[in-house]
Structure formats: C-alpha cells, structure tokens
Amino acid sequence: MFCTCLRGGATEIDLSGSAKNILQARWFDPVTGKWSKTEILKKGRNIVNAPSGQDWACLIGAPHVLSVASVQMRSSDDIRENAASISGFIRKCANDGARVVVFPECALTSYNEKIISELTADKINAAEEQVADACRTNNVYAVVGLAYREGTKLLNSASIISPSGKI
C-alpha cells in the first residue's frame, strides 16, 4: 500500500481489511531520495504523521521485525484446561502482533508427576492438536512445553507448532 502526504501533515489509513495484524509504514523523502522514520501500524484505522512539513511518500507493508511473545502462566492439573488457556494466550498475543508465542516448560501437561504419569499419548496429542488449531487460526508459531510420552518414558520437551498447524 502507498500513500502521500503533501506538505506534511497527517493521513488516516484504514487497514481493517489487512490480512496482517501488524504493518510497518516507512516514510520516503522524494527530494533527497532517502528513507526516514518507520512507524508500526495495527489492523484497523491508523493516523500516520509525515516526518516534516514537506511532501512525503509512505510505503506500508509487512514489518521487517520478528515479534516474539513470552507467556508466563500457571498450569492446572487438567490438560484440556491448559490447552484452552494456551489457545487463548495465542489468540491474544497474535492480536497484539506477535509472530511467535513461547510458553514455559510443561505448560500443557503441568509439572504434577501423578497427573502426567497418568496421561496417555492420545490425551497429549489431542491437547497438542487443540493448540495447533489456535496457531493455524491465528497464523503464528508457538513453542509449548509439555511432558512427552515415548513408550513408558515421560520426557520434558517442547513442541514447535507452525502457522499451518504442523507440530
């Protein structure tokens, strides 16, 4: 997207239809041929302000930064409750512009040894799929700590989930 501000000033830009939650506005000075300040814009209505009172061009596109959210949370002993909580955090962080959301170790399964020793691989996989759906819906990556079952062994691990929901 491209806009101009003649003789400086401010322009309102409606980014409600954008596929991205966060965009970057870069200002170009047509007199000097140089780029100036950069602004971060959110989906919806934004007001952009030219750097000075001369003519400016503004190029709006995907930002050239990686926004990472780190979530501090207390897990419950209920894996379904944890999956729902993690999915909610993913949605909130994505709406705030995060591209990657990172959770603590054992966020999905909890640290309660009695509880995690009774978890089946099917229960863990179902909870992981719920979190993967949240990643797919919100187009973000997630790193989620969990106990992973390999045969009779439980391993402290993390799943990395892509925006397509691939675990």
Foldseek 3Di string as FASTA:
>chain_A
DKDKDAQWAKDKDAQQVPPAQKKKKWKADPVVRDIDDMDIDGHGIDMDTHPGRHMIMIDMGHDPDAAEAEDEDAADQDLQVLLVVLLVVLQVVLNVPHQEYEYDAASRRHPPPVSQLPDDQVSVVVSLQSNLVSLLVSQHKYWAWRFHDDPNDTHTGIDIAGNNSRD
